[in-house]
Amino acid sequence: MQSAGCVGPDGSFTRAQAEERGRAVVAAAGCEDPEAADSWLRSLSTADLVAASGSGHDTYRPVVDGEVVPEAPAEAIAAGRFARVPVLHGSTRDEMSGLAGLGELMTGRPLTAEGYAEEVTGRFGADGPAVLAEYPVERYPAPGAALSAVLTDSEWSTAALDAQVALARHTPVYAYEFAEEAAPRFRNMPCPASFSLGTGHMTDLAYLFENTLFEPLDGAQAELAGTVTGYWGRFAHTGRPDGPGLPAWEPFTDEERYVQRLASGNIGRTDFATGHHYAFWKRLA
């Protein structure tokens, strides 16, 4: 399981939510007769369908219909109602750096300290001052980097650790974090000038699959890719990632929350909870 943790509050849609979303898409596509929605949507071009359906993670979730998906994944995992097989689960250290830098790329102007405070207050409301105190802008190389940390920790890392804790109560779990200082960049895509994207969402794919999405790996990155694919292959074959010739990787348990840091020349245990302010976000919840 890579990136999303499946146990966050927004990890799935109810059938009613999905049907409401479906009606909105049909309306946006210009169909006035819901009974004719099927034939109407099939008649549209790909571009029109994309325009009507929107984009991004927020509009796509597993739908709990009571049949194909009988209950929310978060509830099933918490209750242990899932296949008891070993799990390899993790995320990247800077999952939301791309979104945090999007404003700078669109406007050509870096986020300011004032803009950072406004973003945090707008997202967290009454909890905004507590978030700003936990993530003071002066602690980061740029306001955009501070926003990246806030969004990553609140929307991704907390849910990732929650998932690992819940899964580990019932089955062997091996947890990881891709934590490169600078992962390969997407080809032909600009990056913010004010801060590094670090290891953002999807950049782990550069180390796992041959593809043309990313710029070529350098020597150290290629060595990491070899180690990571070795881990993934061993896990698929044996149910645990480490083995002969690979750095040790301890299982994750609720008592011993071992998370493996995956970075060029720096593989080993990382204090994931402290690095992502896990206790703070659990208090705030």
Protein backbone atom coordinates (compact mmCIF):
# COMPACT_ATOMS: atom_id res chain seq x y z
CA MET A 1 0.00 0.00 0.00
CA GLN A 2 1.62 3.22 -1.18
CA SER A 3 0.71 6.79 -0.19
CA ALA A 4 -2.89 6.79 1.06
CA GLY A 5 -3.59 5.08 4.35
CA CYS A 6 -7.26 4.10 3.88
CA VAL A 7 -8.17 4.92 7.48
CA GLY A 8 -8.59 8.70 7.42
CA PRO A 9 -11.99 10.33 7.93
CA ASP A 10 -12.34 10.94 4.18
CA GLY A 11 -11.13 7.54 3.00
CA SER A 12 -14.38 6.50 1.34
CA PHE A 13 -17.77 7.72 0.12
CA THR A 14 -21.16 6.46 1.18
CA ARG A 15 -23.50 5.36 -1.57
CA ALA A 16 -25.55 8.53 -1.03
CA GLN A 17 -22.44 10.71 -1.43
CA ALA A 18 -21.44 8.87 -4.59
CA GLU A 19 -24.91 9.21 -6.10
CA GLU A 20 -24.95 12.92 -5.29
CA ARG A 21 -21.58 13.26 -6.98
CA GLY A 22 -22.86 11.31 -9.99
CA ARG A 23 -25.86 13.62 -10.35
CA ALA A 24 -23.53 16.62 -10.22
CA VAL A 25 -21.40 15.17 -13.02
CA VAL A 26 -24.45 14.48 -15.18
CA ALA A 27 -25.68 18.04 -14.64
CA ALA A 28 -22.26 19.49 -15.43
CA ALA A 29 -22.25 17.45 -18.64
CA GLY A 30 -25.43 19.21 -19.74
CA CYS A 31 -27.89 16.33 -19.37
CA GLU A 32 -31.33 17.53 -18.29
CA ASP A 33 -32.97 14.09 -18.15
CA PRO A 34 -31.43 11.79 -15.50
CA GLU A 35 -33.12 8.79 -17.12
CA ALA A 36 -31.05 9.41 -20.25
CA ALA A 37 -27.78 9.90 -18.38
CA ASP A 38 -26.16 6.68 -19.63
CA SER A 39 -26.61 7.38 -23.34
CA TRP A 40 -25.86 11.08 -22.86
CA LEU A 41 -22.51 10.45 -21.16
CA ARG A 42 -21.54 7.83 -23.76
CA SER A 43 -22.12 10.40 -26.51
CA LEU A 44 -19.65 12.91 -25.09
CA SER A 45 -16.03 13.34 -26.07
CA THR A 46 -13.24 12.46 -23.64
CA ALA A 47 -12.49 16.15 -23.12
CA ASP A 48 -16.12 16.90 -22.25
CA LEU A 49 -16.25 14.00 -19.80
CA VAL A 50 -13.07 15.13 -18.08
CA ALA A 51 -14.37 18.70 -17.85
CA ALA A 52 -17.67 17.54 -16.33
CA SER A 53 -16.19 15.06 -13.85
CA GLY A 54 -13.54 17.29 -12.30
CA SER A 55 -10.17 16.03 -11.16
CA GLY A 56 -8.00 15.38 -8.15
CA HIS A 57 -8.07 12.98 -5.23
CA ASP A 58 -11.02 14.60 -3.50
CA THR A 59 -13.57 13.42 -6.06
CA TYR A 60 -12.52 9.76 -6.19
CA ARG A 61 -12.91 7.34 -3.27
CA PRO A 62 -14.01 3.75 -2.71
CA VAL A 63 -17.80 3.70 -2.53
CA VAL A 64 -19.36 1.78 0.35
CA ASP A 65 -22.42 0.35 -1.39
CA GLY A 66 -23.06 -2.51 1.03
CA GLU A 67 -22.36 -5.10 -1.66
CA VAL A 68 -19.08 -4.79 -3.56
CA VAL A 69 -17.60 -2.75 -0.70
CA PRO A 70 -19.61 -3.81 2.35
CA GLU A 71 -18.17 -1.28 4.81
CA ALA A 72 -15.77 1.63 4.98
CA PRO A 73 -12.14 0.48 4.73
CA ALA A 74 -11.33 2.43 7.90
CA GLU A 75 -13.97 0.50 9.85
CA ALA A 76 -12.95 -2.86 8.38
CA ILE A 77 -9.28 -2.34 9.18
CA ALA A 78 -9.99 -1.12 12.72
CA ALA A 79 -12.15 -4.20 13.36
CA GLY A 80 -9.73 -6.65 11.74
CA ARG A 81 -12.17 -7.60 9.00
CA PHE A 82 -9.65 -7.95 6.18
CA ALA A 83 -7.43 -10.61 4.63
CA ARG A 84 -4.76 -11.54 7.18
CA VAL A 85 -1.77 -11.25 4.88
CA PRO A 86 1.50 -9.40 5.49
CA VAL A 87 1.32 -5.72 4.56
CA LEU A 88 4.00 -3.40 3.17
CA HIS A 89 2.76 0.13 3.79
CA GLY A 90 4.26 3.59 3.47
CA SER A 91 4.31 7.08 2.01
CA THR A 92 6.70 9.85 1.00
CA ARG A 93 8.07 12.41 3.42
CA ASP A 94 6.77 15.41 1.45
CA GLU A 95 3.48 14.10 0.01
CA MET A 96 1.90 17.55 -0.36
CA SER A 97 4.89 19.59 -1.49
CA GLY A 98 3.55 19.79 -5.04
CA LEU A 99 0.24 21.23 -3.91
CA ALA A 100 1.99 23.62 -1.54
CA GLY A 101 4.10 24.92 -4.42
CA LEU A 102 1.26 25.15 -6.93
CA GLY A 103 0.39 28.75 -6.12
CA GLU A 104 3.97 29.85 -6.71
CA LEU A 105 4.07 28.05 -10.04
CA MET A 106 0.77 29.59 -11.15
CA THR A 107 1.54 33.16 -10.05
CA GLY A 108 5.34 33.24 -10.26
CA ARG A 109 5.42 34.60 -6.71
CA PRO A 110 6.54 32.63 -3.64
CA LEU A 111 4.14 32.25 -0.76
CA THR A 112 4.75 34.91 1.91
CA ALA A 113 4.67 34.45 5.68
CA GLU A 114 1.38 36.34 5.74
CA GLY A 115 0.01 34.17 2.97
CA TYR A 116 1.06 31.06 4.89
CA ALA A 117 -0.83 32.23 7.99
CA GLU A 118 -3.90 32.93 5.86
CA GLU A 119 -3.74 29.48 4.25
CA VAL A 120 -3.49 27.75 7.61
CA THR A 121 -6.26 29.82 9.17
CA GLY A 122 -8.50 29.23 6.17
CA ARG A 123 -7.99 25.46 6.35
CA PHE A 124 -8.05 24.92 10.10
CA GLY A 125 -10.26 27.73 11.40
CA ALA A 126 -10.22 27.97 15.18
CA ASP A 127 -7.29 25.51 15.29
CA GLY A 128 -5.23 27.75 13.02
CA PRO A 129 -3.25 29.46 15.83
CA ALA A 130 -2.30 26.09 17.31
CA VAL A 131 -1.11 24.85 13.92
CA LEU A 132 0.93 28.01 13.34
CA ALA A 133 2.51 27.62 16.78
CA GLU A 134 3.39 23.99 16.03
CA TYR A 135 4.78 24.89 12.58
CA PRO A 136 6.31 28.39 12.94
CA VAL A 137 7.25 29.73 9.54
CA GLU A 138 10.75 30.75 10.67
CA ARG A 139 11.61 27.09 11.27
CA TYR A 140 11.40 26.34 7.53
CA PRO A 141 13.47 27.46 4.54
CA ALA A 142 10.40 29.17 3.02
CA PRO A 143 6.70 29.64 3.82
CA GLY A 144 5.88 27.16 1.05
CA ALA A 145 7.96 24.51 2.81
CA ALA A 146 6.07 25.18 6.05
CA LEU A 147 2.75 24.76 4.25
CA SER A 148 3.99 21.54 2.67
CA ALA A 149 4.81 20.13 6.11
CA VAL A 150 1.42 21.13 7.53
CA LEU A 151 -0.54 19.61 4.66
CA THR A 152 1.58 16.46 4.50
CA ASP A 153 1.34 15.75 8.21
CA SER A 154 -2.36 16.57 8.63
CA GLU A 155 -3.69 14.91 5.47
CA TRP A 156 -1.27 12.02 4.86
CA SER A 157 1.26 11.10 7.53
CA THR A 158 -1.14 10.92 10.47
CA ALA A 159 -3.48 8.63 8.53
CA ALA A 160 -0.51 6.51 7.40
CA LEU A 161 0.60 5.85 10.97
CA ASP A 162 -2.99 5.22 12.05
CA ALA A 163 -3.29 2.60 9.30
CA GLN A 164 -0.06 0.89 10.32
CA VAL A 165 -1.13 0.74 13.96
CA ALA A 166 -4.56 -0.69 13.06
CA LEU A 167 -3.18 -3.26 10.61
CA ALA A 168 -0.40 -4.38 12.95
CA ARG A 169 -2.95 -5.50 15.55
CA HIS A 170 -3.94 -8.33 13.21
CA THR A 171 -1.17 -9.05 10.72
CA PRO A 172 2.56 -8.49 10.08
CA VAL A 173 3.26 -4.95 8.86
CA TYR A 174 6.40 -3.41 7.37
CA ALA A 175 6.29 0.40 7.31
CA TYR A 176 8.45 2.75 5.26
CA GLU A 177 8.97 6.37 4.27
CA PHE A 178 10.68 7.60 1.12
CA ALA A 179 12.76 10.48 2.45
CA GLU A 180 15.10 11.73 -0.26
CA GLU A 181 16.31 15.30 0.12
CA ALA A 182 15.67 15.73 -3.60
CA ALA A 183 13.89 12.99 -5.52
CA PRO A 184 13.95 12.97 -9.35
CA ARG A 185 11.83 15.72 -10.87
CA PHE A 186 8.97 15.13 -13.26
CA ARG A 187 10.13 15.71 -16.83
CA ASN A 188 9.18 19.08 -18.32
CA MET A 189 7.53 20.23 -15.10
CA PRO A 190 8.77 23.36 -13.32
CA CYS A 191 9.47 23.39 -9.60
CA PRO A 192 9.01 26.22 -7.09
CA ALA A 193 12.04 28.46 -6.78
CA SER A 194 11.57 29.19 -3.08
CA PHE A 195 11.80 25.64 -1.68
CA SER A 196 12.64 22.06 -2.64
CA LEU A 197 9.84 19.58 -3.27
CA GLY A 198 11.90 16.91 -1.52
CA THR A 199 10.18 13.54 -1.94
CA GLY A 200 6.72 14.55 -3.10
CA HIS A 201 3.65 12.55 -3.99
CA MET A 202 4.31 9.87 -6.65
CA THR A 203 8.09 10.36 -6.73
CA ASP A 204 8.53 6.91 -5.16
CA LEU A 205 7.49 5.53 -8.56
CA ALA A 206 10.81 6.71 -9.99
CA TYR A 207 12.59 4.11 -7.86
CA LEU A 208 10.19 1.21 -8.41
CA PHE A 209 9.40 1.15 -12.12
CA GLU A 210 11.12 1.93 -15.38
CA ASN A 211 9.21 4.91 -16.76
CA THR A 212 9.56 8.17 -18.65
CA LEU A 213 7.70 10.34 -16.13
CA PHE A 214 10.86 11.39 -14.31
CA GLU A 215 14.30 12.71 -15.06
CA PRO A 216 17.00 9.99 -14.97
CA LEU A 217 18.24 8.73 -11.61
CA ASP A 218 21.76 9.65 -10.57
CA GLY A 219 24.17 7.01 -9.29
CA ALA A 220 23.09 7.13 -5.65
CA GLN A 221 19.42 7.15 -6.62
CA ALA A 222 19.93 4.18 -8.91
CA GLU A 223 21.55 2.30 -6.03
CA LEU A 224 18.54 3.11 -3.83
CA ALA A 225 16.22 1.92 -6.60
CA GLY A 226 18.05 -1.41 -6.64
CA THR A 227 17.65 -1.79 -2.89
CA VAL A 228 13.97 -0.80 -2.96
CA THR A 229 13.06 -3.17 -5.78
CA GLY A 230 14.95 -5.86 -3.88
CA TYR A 231 12.83 -5.13 -0.81
CA TRP A 232 9.58 -5.19 -2.79
CA GLY A 233 10.51 -8.40 -4.58
CA ARG A 234 11.51 -10.16 -1.36
CA PHE A 235 8.26 -9.08 0.25
CA ALA A 236 6.18 -10.42 -2.64
CA HIS A 237 8.05 -13.72 -2.46
CA THR A 238 8.41 -14.26 1.29
CA GLY A 239 6.10 -11.88 3.16
CA ARG A 240 8.95 -9.81 4.59
CA PRO A 241 11.09 -7.27 2.73
CA ASP A 242 14.61 -7.82 4.02
CA GLY A 243 16.87 -10.71 3.18
CA PRO A 244 20.40 -11.59 2.06
CA GLY A 245 22.26 -8.52 0.84
CA LEU A 246 19.57 -6.07 1.96
CA PRO A 247 19.66 -3.71 4.97
CA ALA A 248 17.73 -5.01 8.00
CA TRP A 249 14.07 -3.99 8.27
CA GLU A 250 12.17 -4.74 11.47
CA PRO A 251 8.40 -5.27 11.53
CA PHE A 252 6.08 -2.50 12.71
CA THR A 253 4.16 -3.21 15.92
CA ASP A 254 2.02 -0.98 18.12
CA GLU A 255 4.68 -1.21 20.83
CA GLU A 256 7.70 -0.86 18.53
CA ARG A 257 6.67 1.48 15.74
CA TYR A 258 9.52 0.76 13.39
CA VAL A 259 9.42 2.75 10.13
CA GLN A 260 12.17 2.21 7.55
CA ARG A 261 13.66 5.36 6.04
CA LEU A 262 14.40 4.92 2.33
CA ALA A 263 16.91 7.53 1.15
CA SER A 264 20.07 7.47 -0.94
CA GLY A 265 22.93 6.35 1.30
CA ASN A 266 20.69 6.58 4.36
CA ILE A 267 18.52 3.51 4.93
CA GLY A 268 17.41 2.65 8.44
CA ARG A 269 14.98 3.46 11.18
CA THR A 270 13.32 6.89 11.27
CA ASP A 271 11.22 8.48 14.02
CA PHE A 272 8.19 8.94 11.77
CA ALA A 273 5.81 10.04 14.55
CA THR A 274 8.07 12.84 15.79
CA GLY A 275 9.06 13.95 12.30
CA HIS A 276 5.43 14.40 11.30
CA HIS A 277 4.08 15.82 14.59
CA TYR A 278 1.79 12.82 15.03
CA ALA A 279 0.95 13.50 18.70
CA PHE A 280 -0.05 17.08 17.89
CA TRP A 281 -2.50 16.05 15.18
CA LYS A 282 -4.00 13.35 17.36
CA ARG A 283 -4.59 15.91 20.12
CA LEU A 284 -6.16 18.26 17.61
CA ALA A 285 -8.51 15.63 16.18
